[in-house]
Structure formats: structure tokens, C-alpha cells
Amino acid sequence: MTENVFTENQSVLFQEPVNAETDVAINPIEEEILTLVNEYRLEIGATALLFSDVAYQEANKHTRYMISKGTLSHDNFSSRATIINNNVPIELAAENVARDFKTATDVLHSWLESTHHKKTIESNFTHSAISVQQNAKGMMYFTQIFYKR
């Protein structure tokens, strides 16, 4: 049996925002997770998160990094947050990571069962993006980046 693994979220504050976002296409499971996260947020009275191209690019880079290391991490989160901040005006950024879940529902339920991940999902963020990629053995890795503009 495979063990589901995840780590605590990370967050960074910003005060000096800059530029704008670009266009990127997302895959179906990534879209499904964002939809499920937004449905949950709306149920609790929070606003829906808007998709962010720049966060998606950084989430993809980090997911590839975790796959290359074979482990979950928040390594270099400050660098990802800084890159986002250099492209869009943000005040706060955070991320959730996971691996070894088969469906969008499974990963969301796992995050909601974790106090830290749930807090991130429920927080006053305005934008998000999710990267889901498989390693060579078919294990799925997830990175969701959130930020507030």
C-alpha cells in the first residue's frame, strides 16, 4: 500500500509589487483541483480564487524539482514567491504540496484534513495555480501556490 505524504505550507509577505501575468493552458486534473478548492471556498463564504499564469509556471518548476529529488519540499519557496512578486503585485504568498494521490478529490480531502493546509486553502488569497505531474513510476506530485493581490 502506498503512503500519502504531505508537508506543512509555507508563506511569505511582500510589500513592493510589480508587473502582469501571461497566458498558460492547464491540464484537466489541475483544473479539477482548482474547481474543487473554489467550490469549498464558496461553501465557507470565501471568494473563489482566480487562476494565475505566473503562479502556474512557478508551481510547475517546483513540481519538477520535487520529482527530481524524489521527495516533497518547500525548498526555495522564497525564490518562487519573489519571482511571482516581480511579475504581479502581491502582498502574501503560500503553497501546499502533496504526492501519491490518485484523484483531485483525494488530494483536496487530504489538505482539508491537515490544519496548516486547510488554513491556507481558507485564507484570504485571491489567486492560485496547481501543478500536477507524474514521476517515471506514475506517482503524482502536486504543488498549489496561492497569493493575495
C-alpha atoms as a PDB file:
ATOM      1  CA  MET A   1       0.000   0.000   0.000  1.00  0.00           C
ATOM      2  CA  THR A   2       1.289   3.443  -0.870  1.00  0.00           C
ATOM      3  CA  GLU A   3       1.502   6.080   1.850  1.00  0.00           C
ATOM      4  CA  ASN A   4       0.068   9.533   1.215  1.00  0.00           C
ATOM      5  CA  VAL A   5       2.628  12.184   2.100  1.00  0.00           C
ATOM      6  CA  PHE A   6       2.395  15.944   2.506  1.00  0.00           C
ATOM      7  CA  THR A   7       4.178  18.715   4.334  1.00  0.00           C
ATOM      8  CA  GLU A   8       3.162  21.941   6.005  1.00  0.00           C
ATOM      9  CA  ASN A   9       2.531  25.072   3.999  1.00  0.00           C
ATOM     10  CA  GLN A  10       4.922  27.984   3.659  1.00  0.00           C
ATOM     11  CA  SER A  11       4.151  31.676   3.358  1.00  0.00           C
ATOM     12  CA  VAL A  12       5.994  34.920   2.628  1.00  0.00           C
ATOM     13  CA  LEU A  13       4.870  38.567   2.903  1.00  0.00           C
ATOM     14  CA  PHE A  14       5.565  41.218   0.250  1.00  0.00           C
ATOM     15  CA  GLN A  15       5.310  44.981   0.176  1.00  0.00           C
ATOM     16  CA  GLU A  16       6.616  46.061  -3.248  1.00  0.00           C
ATOM     17  CA  PRO A  17       4.540  44.611  -6.127  1.00  0.00           C
ATOM     18  CA  VAL A  18       5.344  44.901  -9.881  1.00  0.00           C
ATOM     19  CA  ASN A  19       4.084  43.719 -13.413  1.00  0.00           C
ATOM     20  CA  ALA A  20       1.393  41.473 -15.055  1.00  0.00           C
ATOM     21  CA  GLU A  21       0.569  37.854 -15.966  1.00  0.00           C
ATOM     22  CA  THR A  22       0.737  35.815 -19.215  1.00  0.00           C
ATOM     23  CA  ASP A  23      -1.407  33.002 -20.738  1.00  0.00           C
ATOM     24  CA  VAL A  24      -0.853  29.286 -19.998  1.00  0.00           C
ATOM     25  CA  ALA A  25      -3.001  26.157 -20.531  1.00  0.00           C
ATOM     26  CA  ILE A  26      -3.634  23.800 -17.607  1.00  0.00           C
ATOM     27  CA  ASN A  27      -4.393  20.062 -17.657  1.00  0.00           C
ATOM     28  CA  PRO A  28      -7.756  18.564 -16.567  1.00  0.00           C
ATOM     29  CA  ILE A  29      -6.751  17.369 -13.061  1.00  0.00           C
ATOM     30  CA  GLU A  30      -5.223  20.758 -12.279  1.00  0.00           C
ATOM     31  CA  GLU A  31      -8.419  22.457 -13.406  1.00  0.00           C
ATOM     32  CA  GLU A  32     -10.477  19.987 -11.357  1.00  0.00           C
ATOM     33  CA  ILE A  33      -8.484  20.683  -8.190  1.00  0.00           C
ATOM     34  CA  LEU A  34      -8.878  24.443  -8.610  1.00  0.00           C
ATOM     35  CA  THR A  35     -12.607  23.945  -9.201  1.00  0.00           C
ATOM     36  CA  LEU A  36     -12.935  21.793  -6.067  1.00  0.00           C
ATOM     37  CA  VAL A  37     -10.910  24.258  -3.988  1.00  0.00           C
ATOM     38  CA  ASN A  38     -13.133  27.094  -5.224  1.00  0.00           C
ATOM     39  CA  GLU A  39     -16.330  25.134  -4.522  1.00  0.00           C
ATOM     40  CA  TYR A  40     -15.082  24.528  -0.987  1.00  0.00           C
ATOM     41  CA  ARG A  41     -14.137  28.187  -0.545  1.00  0.00           C
ATOM     42  CA  LEU A  42     -17.560  29.322  -1.739  1.00  0.00           C
ATOM     43  CA  GLU A  43     -19.252  26.884   0.691  1.00  0.00           C
ATOM     44  CA  ILE A  44     -17.429  28.501   3.621  1.00  0.00           C
ATOM     45  CA  GLY A  45     -18.171  32.042   2.431  1.00  0.00           C
ATOM     46  CA  ALA A  46     -14.734  32.810   0.947  1.00  0.00           C
ATOM     47  CA  THR A  47     -14.238  34.160  -2.566  1.00  0.00           C
ATOM     48  CA  ALA A  48     -13.200  31.960  -5.474  1.00  0.00           C
ATOM     49  CA  LEU A  49      -9.527  32.016  -6.432  1.00  0.00           C
ATOM     50  CA  LEU A  50      -8.584  33.290  -9.872  1.00  0.00           C
ATOM     51  CA  PHE A  51      -6.143  31.251 -11.953  1.00  0.00           C
ATOM     52  CA  SER A  52      -2.651  32.766 -12.176  1.00  0.00           C
ATOM     53  CA  ASP A  53      -0.341  32.049 -15.120  1.00  0.00           C
ATOM     54  CA  VAL A  54       2.767  33.191 -13.270  1.00  0.00           C
ATOM     55  CA  ALA A  55       1.958  31.039 -10.223  1.00  0.00           C
ATOM     56  CA  TYR A  56       1.330  28.117 -12.584  1.00  0.00           C
ATOM     57  CA  GLN A  57       4.754  28.489 -14.141  1.00  0.00           C
ATOM     58  CA  GLU A  58       6.411  28.535 -10.712  1.00  0.00           C
ATOM     59  CA  ALA A  59       4.297  25.627  -9.455  1.00  0.00           C
ATOM     60  CA  ASN A  60       5.353  23.563 -12.489  1.00  0.00           C
ATOM     61  CA  LYS A  61       9.025  24.308 -11.852  1.00  0.00           C
ATOM     62  CA  HIS A  62       8.683  23.266  -8.230  1.00  0.00           C
ATOM     63  CA  THR A  63       6.775  20.085  -9.042  1.00  0.00           C
ATOM     64  CA  ARG A  64       9.540  19.080 -11.480  1.00  0.00           C
ATOM     65  CA  TYR A  65      12.098  19.882  -8.770  1.00  0.00           C
ATOM     66  CA  MET A  66      10.327  17.652  -6.217  1.00  0.00           C
ATOM     67  CA  ILE A  67      10.155  14.821  -8.760  1.00  0.00           C
ATOM     68  CA  SER A  68      13.880  15.176  -9.476  1.00  0.00           C
ATOM     69  CA  LYS A  69      14.617  14.947  -5.731  1.00  0.00           C
ATOM     70  CA  GLY A  70      12.064  12.180  -5.119  1.00  0.00           C
ATOM     71  CA  THR A  71      10.636  13.992  -2.106  1.00  0.00           C
ATOM     72  CA  LEU A  72       8.221  16.699  -1.068  1.00  0.00           C
ATOM     73  CA  SER A  73       9.643  20.043  -0.104  1.00  0.00           C
ATOM     74  CA  HIS A  74       9.147  23.766   0.114  1.00  0.00           C
ATOM     75  CA  ASP A  75      12.775  24.297  -0.917  1.00  0.00           C
ATOM     76  CA  ASN A  76      13.309  27.717  -2.477  1.00  0.00           C
ATOM     77  CA  PHE A  77       9.753  28.876  -1.749  1.00  0.00           C
ATOM     78  CA  SER A  78      11.000  32.407  -1.146  1.00  0.00           C
ATOM     79  CA  SER A  79      12.516  32.423  -4.640  1.00  0.00           C
ATOM     80  CA  ARG A  80       9.212  31.302  -6.204  1.00  0.00           C
ATOM     81  CA  ALA A  81       7.328  33.941  -4.252  1.00  0.00           C
ATOM     82  CA  THR A  82       9.829  36.618  -5.281  1.00  0.00           C
ATOM     83  CA  ILE A  83       9.517  35.680  -8.963  1.00  0.00           C
ATOM     84  CA  ILE A  84       5.734  35.936  -8.688  1.00  0.00           C
ATOM     85  CA  ASN A  85       6.048  39.268  -6.894  1.00  0.00           C
ATOM     86  CA  ASN A  86       8.324  40.553  -9.659  1.00  0.00           C
ATOM     87  CA  ASN A  87       5.554  39.809 -12.184  1.00  0.00           C
ATOM     88  CA  VAL A  88       2.324  40.674 -10.359  1.00  0.00           C
ATOM     89  CA  PRO A  89       1.518  42.888  -7.377  1.00  0.00           C
ATOM     90  CA  ILE A  90       1.178  40.564  -4.374  1.00  0.00           C
ATOM     91  CA  GLU A  91       1.047  41.031  -0.624  1.00  0.00           C
ATOM     92  CA  LEU A  92       1.231  37.412   0.550  1.00  0.00           C
ATOM     93  CA  ALA A  93       2.050  34.016  -0.969  1.00  0.00           C
ATOM     94  CA  ALA A  94       1.783  30.435   0.285  1.00  0.00           C
ATOM     95  CA  GLU A  95       1.899  26.917  -1.095  1.00  0.00           C
ATOM     96  CA  ASN A  96       0.637  23.426  -0.399  1.00  0.00           C
ATOM     97  CA  VAL A  97       2.414  20.348  -1.734  1.00  0.00           C
ATOM     98  CA  ALA A  98       1.463  16.672  -1.854  1.00  0.00           C
ATOM     99  CA  ARG A  99       2.253  13.415  -3.603  1.00  0.00           C
ATOM    100  CA  ASP A 100       0.878   9.968  -4.204  1.00  0.00           C
ATOM    101  CA  PHE A 101      -2.799  10.773  -4.544  1.00  0.00           C
ATOM    102  CA  LYS A 102      -4.786   9.417  -7.473  1.00  0.00           C
ATOM    103  CA  THR A 103      -7.572  11.986  -7.797  1.00  0.00           C
ATOM    104  CA  ALA A 104      -8.285  15.668  -7.318  1.00  0.00           C
ATOM    105  CA  THR A 105     -10.799  14.807  -4.600  1.00  0.00           C
ATOM    106  CA  ASP A 106      -8.246  12.711  -2.702  1.00  0.00           C
ATOM    107  CA  VAL A 107      -5.614  15.440  -2.600  1.00  0.00           C
ATOM    108  CA  LEU A 108      -8.142  18.104  -1.601  1.00  0.00           C
ATOM    109  CA  HIS A 109      -9.550  15.926   1.209  1.00  0.00           C
ATOM    110  CA  SER A 110      -6.024  15.291   2.474  1.00  0.00           C
ATOM    111  CA  TRP A 111      -5.242  19.013   2.514  1.00  0.00           C
ATOM    112  CA  LEU A 112      -8.517  19.757   4.300  1.00  0.00           C
ATOM    113  CA  GLU A 113      -7.684  17.156   6.974  1.00  0.00           C
ATOM    114  CA  SER A 114      -4.417  18.987   7.715  1.00  0.00           C
ATOM    115  CA  THR A 115      -4.759  22.104   9.888  1.00  0.00           C
ATOM    116  CA  HIS A 116      -1.995  24.001   8.069  1.00  0.00           C
ATOM    117  CA  HIS A 117      -3.101  23.101   4.544  1.00  0.00           C
ATOM    118  CA  LYS A 118      -6.747  23.825   5.339  1.00  0.00           C
ATOM    119  CA  LYS A 119      -5.810  27.228   6.758  1.00  0.00           C
ATOM    120  CA  THR A 120      -4.008  28.061   3.507  1.00  0.00           C
ATOM    121  CA  ILE A 121      -6.979  26.972   1.388  1.00  0.00           C
ATOM    122  CA  GLU A 122      -9.354  29.019   3.537  1.00  0.00           C
ATOM    123  CA  SER A 123      -7.142  32.124   3.784  1.00  0.00           C
ATOM    124  CA  ASN A 124      -7.801  35.464   2.133  1.00  0.00           C
ATOM    125  CA  PHE A 125      -5.924  34.705  -1.095  1.00  0.00           C
ATOM    126  CA  THR A 126      -7.111  35.992  -4.472  1.00  0.00           C
ATOM    127  CA  HIS A 127      -5.175  33.857  -6.983  1.00  0.00           C
ATOM    128  CA  SER A 128      -3.872  30.318  -7.292  1.00  0.00           C
ATOM    129  CA  ALA A 129      -2.458  27.707  -9.634  1.00  0.00           C
ATOM    130  CA  ILE A 130      -1.881  23.989  -9.290  1.00  0.00           C
ATOM    131  CA  SER A 131       0.759  21.844 -10.963  1.00  0.00           C
ATOM    132  CA  VAL A 132       0.254  18.078 -11.143  1.00  0.00           C
ATOM    133  CA  GLN A 133       2.929  15.899 -12.717  1.00  0.00           C
ATOM    134  CA  GLN A 134       3.891  12.228 -12.601  1.00  0.00           C
ATOM    135  CA  ASN A 135       7.316  10.780 -11.959  1.00  0.00           C
ATOM    136  CA  ALA A 136       8.671   7.859 -14.020  1.00  0.00           C
ATOM    137  CA  LYS A 137       6.834   5.367 -11.773  1.00  0.00           C
ATOM    138  CA  GLY A 138       3.493   7.142 -12.216  1.00  0.00           C
ATOM    139  CA  MET A 139       3.420   8.747  -8.740  1.00  0.00           C
ATOM    140  CA  MET A 140       1.670  12.103  -8.900  1.00  0.00           C
ATOM    141  CA  TYR A 141       3.209  15.215  -7.312  1.00  0.00           C
ATOM    142  CA  PHE A 142       1.178  18.345  -6.553  1.00  0.00           C
ATOM    143  CA  THR A 143       2.139  21.977  -5.950  1.00  0.00           C
ATOM    144  CA  GLN A 144      -0.533  24.600  -5.304  1.00  0.00           C
ATOM    145  CA  ILE A 145       0.614  28.200  -4.998  1.00  0.00           C
ATOM    146  CA  PHE A 146      -1.676  30.865  -3.558  1.00  0.00           C
ATOM    147  CA  TYR A 147      -1.243  34.600  -3.416  1.00  0.00           C
ATOM    148  CA  LYS A 148      -3.099  37.727  -2.465  1.00  0.00           C
ATOM    149  CA  ARG A 149      -3.023  40.818  -4.686  1.00  0.00           C
END
